[in-house]
Amino acid sequence: MGPLLALIGLALLLFELVLIARILVDLVGVLARPGLRYDGRLEPARRLVYRLTEPVIAPVRRVVRPVQLGGVSFDIALTLVFIAVIVLRQLVLAA
């Protein structure tokens, strides 16, 4: 594998880790007790991961609408981007 492909693979790995961080920050925000949710300790991390991931997720969200299951709406854009990053990284590593 050439140095350019290695660099692309590393960038995809780092973006994958940022996507995982976004999932964890969102999950902690949802599962936290109401008193902890608004104390602001996670706010800088949340802003950072959203700033890094939203430019990639937003265009996917415009194309792929949330899935409706009963009265609940599931936004699957993050999941699709996460899977695409994994597939792209595997293709780069295989080259």
Protein backbone atom coordinates (compact mmCIF):
# COMPACT_ATOMS: atom_id res chain seq x y z
CA MET A 1 0.00 0.00 0.00
CA GLY A 2 1.35 3.38 -0.98
CA PRO A 3 1.76 6.29 1.39
CA LEU A 4 -1.25 8.11 -0.07
CA LEU A 5 -3.54 5.15 0.52
CA ALA A 6 -2.15 4.77 4.03
CA LEU A 7 -2.92 8.43 4.72
CA ILE A 8 -6.46 8.05 3.35
CA GLY A 9 -6.94 4.93 5.47
CA LEU A 10 -5.76 6.81 8.56
CA ALA A 11 -8.09 9.73 7.84
CA LEU A 12 -11.03 7.33 7.44
CA LEU A 13 -10.10 5.60 10.71
CA LEU A 14 -9.98 8.92 12.54
CA PHE A 15 -13.34 9.94 11.08
CA GLU A 16 -14.77 6.57 12.13
CA LEU A 17 -13.58 7.24 15.69
CA VAL A 18 -15.18 10.70 15.63
CA LEU A 19 -18.46 9.10 14.49
CA ILE A 20 -18.24 6.68 17.43
CA ALA A 21 -17.61 9.65 19.74
CA ARG A 22 -20.74 11.32 18.34
CA ILE A 23 -22.78 8.21 19.03
CA LEU A 24 -21.46 8.01 22.59
CA VAL A 25 -22.04 11.71 23.31
CA ASP A 26 -25.60 11.44 22.00
CA LEU A 27 -26.20 8.28 24.00
CA VAL A 28 -24.90 9.81 27.21
CA GLY A 29 -27.07 12.86 26.61
CA VAL A 30 -30.16 10.70 26.19
CA LEU A 31 -29.47 8.36 29.10
CA ALA A 32 -28.20 10.92 31.60
CA ARG A 33 -30.36 11.94 34.51
CA PRO A 34 -32.15 15.21 33.79
CA GLY A 35 -29.97 17.09 36.30
CA LEU A 36 -26.78 15.92 34.58
CA ARG A 37 -27.98 16.44 31.04
CA TYR A 38 -27.94 20.22 31.29
CA ASP A 39 -24.82 20.78 33.38
CA GLY A 40 -22.79 21.47 30.24
CA ARG A 41 -19.82 19.18 30.88
CA LEU A 42 -20.36 17.33 27.60
CA GLU A 43 -21.32 20.39 25.60
CA PRO A 44 -17.79 21.18 24.27
CA ALA A 45 -17.34 17.55 23.16
CA ARG A 46 -20.79 17.51 21.58
CA ARG A 47 -20.13 20.72 19.66
CA LEU A 48 -16.76 19.41 18.42
CA VAL A 49 -18.03 16.07 17.15
CA TYR A 50 -21.06 17.71 15.53
CA ARG A 51 -18.83 20.30 13.84
CA LEU A 52 -16.64 17.51 12.44
CA THR A 53 -19.38 15.10 11.37
CA GLU A 54 -22.38 17.20 10.39
CA PRO A 55 -20.91 18.37 7.03
CA VAL A 56 -20.84 14.71 5.95
CA ILE A 57 -24.09 13.57 7.58
CA ALA A 58 -26.30 16.52 6.56
CA PRO A 59 -26.24 15.81 2.79
CA VAL A 60 -27.09 12.15 3.47
CA ARG A 61 -29.93 13.25 5.74
CA ARG A 62 -31.36 15.40 2.93
CA VAL A 63 -31.44 12.38 0.59
CA VAL A 64 -32.43 9.66 3.07
CA ARG A 65 -35.45 10.64 5.11
CA PRO A 66 -35.96 9.31 8.66
CA VAL A 67 -37.68 5.95 8.95
CA GLN A 68 -41.09 6.07 10.63
CA LEU A 69 -41.97 3.19 12.96
CA GLY A 70 -45.27 3.91 14.59
CA GLY A 71 -44.99 7.23 16.37
CA VAL A 72 -41.19 7.15 16.41
CA SER A 73 -38.89 8.54 13.74
CA PHE A 74 -35.38 7.08 13.31
CA ASP A 75 -32.69 9.13 11.57
CA ILE A 76 -30.52 6.56 9.80
CA ALA A 77 -28.14 9.02 8.11
CA LEU A 78 -25.44 8.56 10.76
CA THR A 79 -25.67 4.78 10.43
CA LEU A 80 -25.36 4.96 6.64
CA VAL A 81 -22.33 7.27 6.84
CA PHE A 82 -20.72 5.00 9.44
CA ILE A 83 -21.19 1.93 7.23
CA ALA A 84 -19.90 3.83 4.18
CA VAL A 85 -16.75 4.89 6.05
CA ILE A 86 -16.11 1.29 7.13
CA VAL A 87 -16.57 0.00 3.58
CA LEU A 88 -14.36 2.74 2.09
CA ARG A 89 -11.65 2.06 4.64
CA GLN A 90 -11.71 -1.66 3.86
CA LEU A 91 -11.46 -0.90 0.13
CA VAL A 92 -8.49 1.39 0.75
CA LEU A 93 -6.76 -1.21 2.93
CA ALA A 94 -7.34 -3.92 0.34
CA ALA A 95 -5.74 -1.84 -2.43
